[in-house]
Protein backbone atom coordinates (compact mmCIF):
# COMPACT_ATOMS: atom_id res chain seq x y z
CA MET A 1 88.12 -55.02 8.75
CA ASN A 2 84.89 -57.06 9.40
CA GLN A 3 82.99 -60.24 10.11
CA MET A 4 80.80 -61.15 6.60
CA THR A 5 80.09 -64.33 5.86
CA ILE A 6 79.82 -64.47 1.77
CA GLY A 7 77.40 -67.05 -0.39
CA ILE A 8 78.71 -68.66 -2.93
CA LEU A 9 76.41 -69.75 -6.18
CA VAL A 10 77.86 -73.05 -7.74
CA THR A 11 76.82 -72.86 -11.50
CA ASN A 12 79.34 -74.98 -12.39
CA THR A 13 77.53 -78.46 -14.21
CA ASP A 14 81.33 -80.15 -15.37
CA ASN A 15 81.20 -83.00 -14.15
CA SER A 16 83.72 -84.88 -16.19
CA ASP A 17 86.96 -86.75 -14.91
CA PHE A 18 88.77 -83.45 -15.36
CA ALA A 19 86.49 -82.22 -13.01
CA SER A 20 86.80 -84.90 -10.22
CA GLN A 21 89.86 -84.72 -9.55
CA TRP A 22 90.08 -80.33 -8.98
CA PRO A 23 88.39 -79.07 -5.76
CA ARG A 24 84.54 -78.09 -7.25
CA ASP A 25 84.58 -74.00 -7.39
CA GLY A 26 82.79 -73.73 -3.69
CA GLU A 27 85.89 -74.46 -2.89
CA LYS A 28 88.54 -73.02 -5.19
CA PHE A 29 86.76 -69.45 -4.20
CA THR A 30 86.92 -70.14 -0.66
CA THR A 31 90.09 -71.02 -0.69
CA LEU A 32 90.74 -67.28 -3.24
CA LEU A 33 88.90 -65.19 -0.75
CA GLN A 34 89.99 -66.73 2.76
CA ALA A 35 94.24 -66.04 1.26
CA VAL A 36 92.50 -62.91 2.16
CA ARG A 37 90.38 -62.27 4.74
CA PRO A 38 90.88 -66.19 6.24
CA HIS A 39 88.14 -65.46 9.07
CA TRP A 40 85.41 -64.68 6.99
CA ASN A 41 82.57 -67.59 7.12
CA PHE A 42 81.47 -68.84 3.20
CA THR A 43 78.13 -70.97 2.89
CA VAL A 44 78.46 -72.88 -1.06
CA TYR A 45 74.85 -73.57 -2.64
CA GLU A 46 74.70 -75.67 -5.61
CA GLY A 47 72.25 -73.86 -8.00
CA THR A 48 72.89 -76.42 -10.38
CA ARG A 49 70.87 -79.02 -8.41
CA GLY A 50 68.00 -76.09 -7.32
CA ILE A 51 70.05 -75.27 -4.20
CA PHE A 52 70.01 -71.27 -4.02
CA PRO A 53 69.87 -69.58 -0.23
CA THR A 54 65.99 -69.69 1.19
CA ASP A 55 66.46 -66.16 2.39
CA LEU A 56 69.15 -63.53 0.68
CA ALA A 57 69.37 -62.05 3.39
CA GLU A 58 71.86 -65.46 5.54
CA CYS A 59 75.02 -64.02 3.63
CA ASP A 60 76.18 -60.60 3.59
CA GLY A 61 77.47 -61.08 -0.02
CA TYR A 62 77.78 -63.97 -2.41
CA VAL A 63 80.02 -65.16 -5.38
CA ILE A 64 78.31 -66.65 -8.71
CA GLY A 65 81.51 -68.15 -10.79
CA GLY A 66 81.97 -70.08 -13.44
CA SER A 67 80.02 -72.22 -15.96
CA PRO A 68 80.17 -74.79 -19.80
CA ALA A 69 76.49 -73.41 -19.30
CA SER A 70 75.46 -70.85 -21.14
CA VAL A 71 73.41 -68.53 -20.15
CA ASN A 72 70.89 -68.80 -22.76
CA ASP A 73 70.45 -72.56 -21.59
CA PRO A 74 66.45 -73.15 -20.69
CA ASP A 75 67.13 -74.63 -17.54
CA GLU A 76 65.28 -74.60 -14.72
CA TRP A 77 67.79 -73.88 -12.44
CA ILE A 78 69.38 -70.44 -14.61
CA GLN A 79 65.74 -69.35 -14.91
CA THR A 80 66.02 -69.68 -10.37
CA LEU A 81 69.13 -68.14 -10.48
CA PHE A 82 67.87 -65.15 -12.83
CA GLY A 83 65.11 -65.30 -10.28
CA VAL A 84 67.94 -64.46 -7.53
CA ILE A 85 70.08 -62.11 -9.87
CA HIS A 86 66.91 -59.83 -9.66
CA SER A 87 66.67 -59.97 -6.26
CA LEU A 88 69.32 -59.12 -5.51
CA ASP A 89 70.25 -56.36 -7.19
CA GLN A 90 66.74 -54.54 -5.65
CA MET A 91 67.46 -56.01 -2.33
CA ARG A 92 71.16 -54.06 -3.77
CA ILE A 93 73.22 -57.12 -1.67
CA PRO A 94 76.18 -57.43 -2.95
CA THR A 95 77.38 -59.66 -5.42
CA VAL A 96 80.74 -60.59 -7.20
CA GLY A 97 79.73 -62.41 -10.94
CA CYS A 98 82.84 -63.84 -13.18
CA CYS A 99 82.55 -65.58 -16.20
CA PHE A 100 79.68 -66.85 -16.19
CA GLY A 101 78.13 -64.95 -13.04
CA HIS A 102 79.18 -61.67 -14.71
CA GLN A 103 77.58 -62.80 -18.11
CA ALA A 104 74.50 -64.02 -16.27
CA ILE A 105 74.13 -60.82 -13.74
CA SER A 106 74.17 -59.58 -17.37
CA LYS A 107 71.36 -61.27 -19.29
CA ALA A 108 69.11 -61.63 -16.32
CA LEU A 109 69.82 -57.84 -15.59
CA GLY A 110 68.29 -56.85 -19.22
CA GLY A 111 71.92 -57.45 -21.41
CA THR A 112 73.07 -58.90 -24.21
CA VAL A 113 75.49 -62.04 -24.07
CA GLY A 114 76.16 -64.00 -27.38
CA LYS A 115 79.21 -65.50 -28.88
CA ASN A 116 82.36 -63.82 -28.99
CA PRO A 117 82.53 -62.61 -32.75
CA GLY A 118 86.60 -63.36 -32.17
CA GLY A 119 86.06 -67.16 -31.44
CA TRP A 120 86.94 -68.02 -28.33
CA GLY A 121 89.28 -66.49 -25.70
CA PHE A 122 90.72 -68.99 -23.97
CA GLY A 123 94.35 -68.92 -22.22
CA VAL A 124 95.67 -65.78 -19.89
CA SER A 125 93.17 -62.32 -20.81
CA ALA A 126 94.70 -58.87 -19.93
CA THR A 127 91.44 -56.23 -17.96
CA HIS A 128 92.53 -52.63 -18.85
CA PHE A 129 90.86 -51.28 -16.35
CA THR A 130 89.44 -47.42 -17.49
CA SER A 131 87.36 -47.04 -14.65
CA HIS A 132 88.68 -46.70 -10.41
CA GLU A 133 87.03 -48.02 -8.08
CA LYS A 134 87.17 -47.90 -4.22
CA TRP A 135 87.49 -50.88 -3.74
CA MET A 136 90.24 -51.56 -6.53
CA THR A 137 92.91 -51.40 -4.39
CA PRO A 138 96.08 -51.50 -4.89
CA GLN A 139 95.53 -49.57 -8.30
CA ARG A 140 97.01 -51.57 -11.27
CA ASP A 141 95.37 -50.17 -15.21
CA THR A 142 96.36 -53.91 -16.64
CA LEU A 143 95.20 -57.39 -14.97
CA GLN A 144 95.65 -61.05 -16.46
CA LEU A 145 93.81 -63.64 -15.79
CA PHE A 146 93.32 -67.34 -17.01
CA ALA A 147 89.65 -67.03 -19.25
CA ALA A 148 87.90 -69.74 -20.85
CA HIS A 149 84.75 -68.94 -22.59
CA SER A 150 83.04 -68.67 -25.93
CA GLU A 151 80.56 -65.86 -24.96
CA GLN A 152 80.70 -62.40 -23.67
CA VAL A 153 78.65 -60.13 -22.52
CA LEU A 154 77.63 -57.88 -26.23
CA GLU A 155 74.59 -55.27 -24.62
CA LEU A 156 75.24 -53.71 -21.14
CA PRO A 157 72.13 -54.03 -19.10
CA PRO A 158 70.48 -50.37 -18.17
CA GLY A 159 72.86 -48.61 -15.57
CA ALA A 160 75.47 -51.19 -15.84
CA ARG A 161 79.45 -49.22 -16.98
CA ILE A 162 82.02 -50.79 -17.75
CA LEU A 163 84.97 -50.67 -15.34
CA GLY A 164 87.85 -53.05 -17.98
CA GLY A 165 87.88 -54.45 -21.35
CA ASP A 166 90.00 -54.48 -24.52
CA ALA A 167 89.53 -55.26 -27.92
CA PHE A 168 88.69 -58.72 -27.78
CA CYS A 169 86.41 -58.58 -25.09
CA PRO A 170 85.62 -54.52 -24.33
CA THR A 171 83.04 -55.18 -21.15
CA ALA A 172 85.25 -57.51 -19.38
CA SER A 173 84.00 -56.03 -16.59
CA LEU A 174 81.24 -54.55 -15.06
CA ALA A 175 79.93 -52.27 -11.75
CA ILE A 176 76.39 -51.17 -11.19
CA GLY A 177 75.93 -48.88 -8.75
CA ASN A 178 77.70 -50.15 -5.65
CA HIS A 179 76.77 -53.47 -4.76
CA ILE A 180 77.57 -55.40 -7.96
CA PHE A 181 81.15 -56.37 -9.47
CA THR A 182 81.92 -58.73 -12.45
CA THR A 183 84.36 -59.51 -14.43
CA GLU A 184 84.73 -62.21 -17.81
CA TYR A 185 87.55 -64.05 -15.94
CA HIS A 186 88.34 -66.43 -13.27
CA PRO A 187 90.49 -65.08 -10.18
CA GLU A 188 89.82 -68.51 -8.72
CA MET A 189 91.17 -71.10 -10.97
CA THR A 190 95.15 -71.71 -10.59
CA LYS A 191 97.88 -72.28 -12.65
CA GLN A 192 98.50 -75.65 -12.41
CA PHE A 193 94.21 -76.45 -12.88
CA PHE A 194 94.36 -73.72 -15.77
CA VAL A 195 97.25 -75.80 -17.92
CA GLY A 196 95.13 -78.78 -16.54
CA LEU A 197 91.71 -78.09 -18.06
CA THR A 198 93.63 -76.95 -21.56
CA HIS A 199 94.94 -80.16 -21.81
CA ALA A 200 90.95 -81.73 -21.70
CA PHE A 201 89.92 -79.08 -23.68
CA GLU A 202 92.72 -80.24 -26.69
CA LYS A 203 89.23 -81.96 -28.16
CA TYR A 204 87.01 -79.47 -28.13
CA MET A 205 88.94 -76.98 -29.85
CA GLY A 206 92.50 -78.42 -31.83
CA ALA A 207 95.73 -78.08 -30.64
CA GLU A 208 96.91 -74.90 -32.17
CA ILE A 209 94.60 -73.16 -29.24
CA ALA A 210 95.24 -75.31 -26.57
CA ASN A 211 99.07 -75.56 -26.95
CA ARG A 212 98.79 -71.65 -27.28
CA ALA A 213 96.79 -71.48 -23.58
CA ARG A 214 98.96 -74.24 -22.73
CA LEU A 215 101.99 -72.00 -23.14
CA GLN A 216 100.22 -68.72 -21.88
CA ALA A 217 99.47 -70.28 -18.91
CA GLU A 218 103.02 -71.24 -17.86
CA THR A 219 104.59 -67.96 -19.03
CA THR A 220 102.94 -65.45 -17.35
CA GLU A 221 101.90 -65.27 -13.33
CA ALA A 222 97.41 -64.47 -14.04
CA ASP A 223 96.14 -61.68 -10.66
CA GLY A 224 93.94 -63.83 -9.21
CA LEU A 225 95.11 -63.39 -5.53
CA LEU A 226 95.11 -59.42 -6.17
CA PHE A 227 91.43 -59.66 -7.96
CA ALA A 228 90.32 -61.71 -4.91
CA SER A 229 91.68 -58.40 -2.63
CA TRP A 230 89.61 -56.04 -4.86
CA MET A 231 86.35 -58.30 -4.68
CA ALA A 232 87.08 -58.73 -0.47
CA ASN A 233 87.48 -54.44 -0.81
CA PHE A 234 84.03 -54.40 -2.37
CA PHE A 235 82.26 -56.64 0.36
CA ASP A 236 83.74 -54.26 2.86
CA LEU A 237 82.54 -51.84 1.13
CA ASP A 238 80.11 -49.01 3.66
CA ARG A 239 77.00 -48.93 1.68
């Protein structure tokens, strides 16, 4: 296995009391990927503070994480992120997008992101894979991951292909070439974190949705570690 340095672009704007009790997303993704590639190095860039790599070649690949922000917001850091995504695409640098990252890649490269037709996706969501790429080993037809999104990809960017989804979110996982791989969901979230999130979000979405999501989290084993293996395999590809 190759020795790599992976850059983690933090896009999470949540500075609430709840968020302050947990590791930030840079640490979450580092912990996730170190579980399957303990010898890799990780560099965290606080994108919401305008901190991005000065030279994209300083990392072998990048992860773009989640956020309560919308990719349709006009914030300067989001526009800067779109420029970074364009460069990553043009340079064919391996990039994984998760939730906001998945949507930002789609939006930046010409797709459309808007409100979920079915409302909030909150709980544990299944992605049924109809395409199996060579990095998706061990192979599974369905993965369960934590979901927390009110928007999703409605139109694909040019050149993107759907890897999997379900009736609620048909565009849950995408690829472009062999250098972009995305999921609408959150492999970095742990069960303990997500259960806490259901309590923190209850005031925004009501007890019924929050309670249902909490029950799903408590009774379903999410496949974050398996998805981490897919991410690592993706970065490891010979290109």
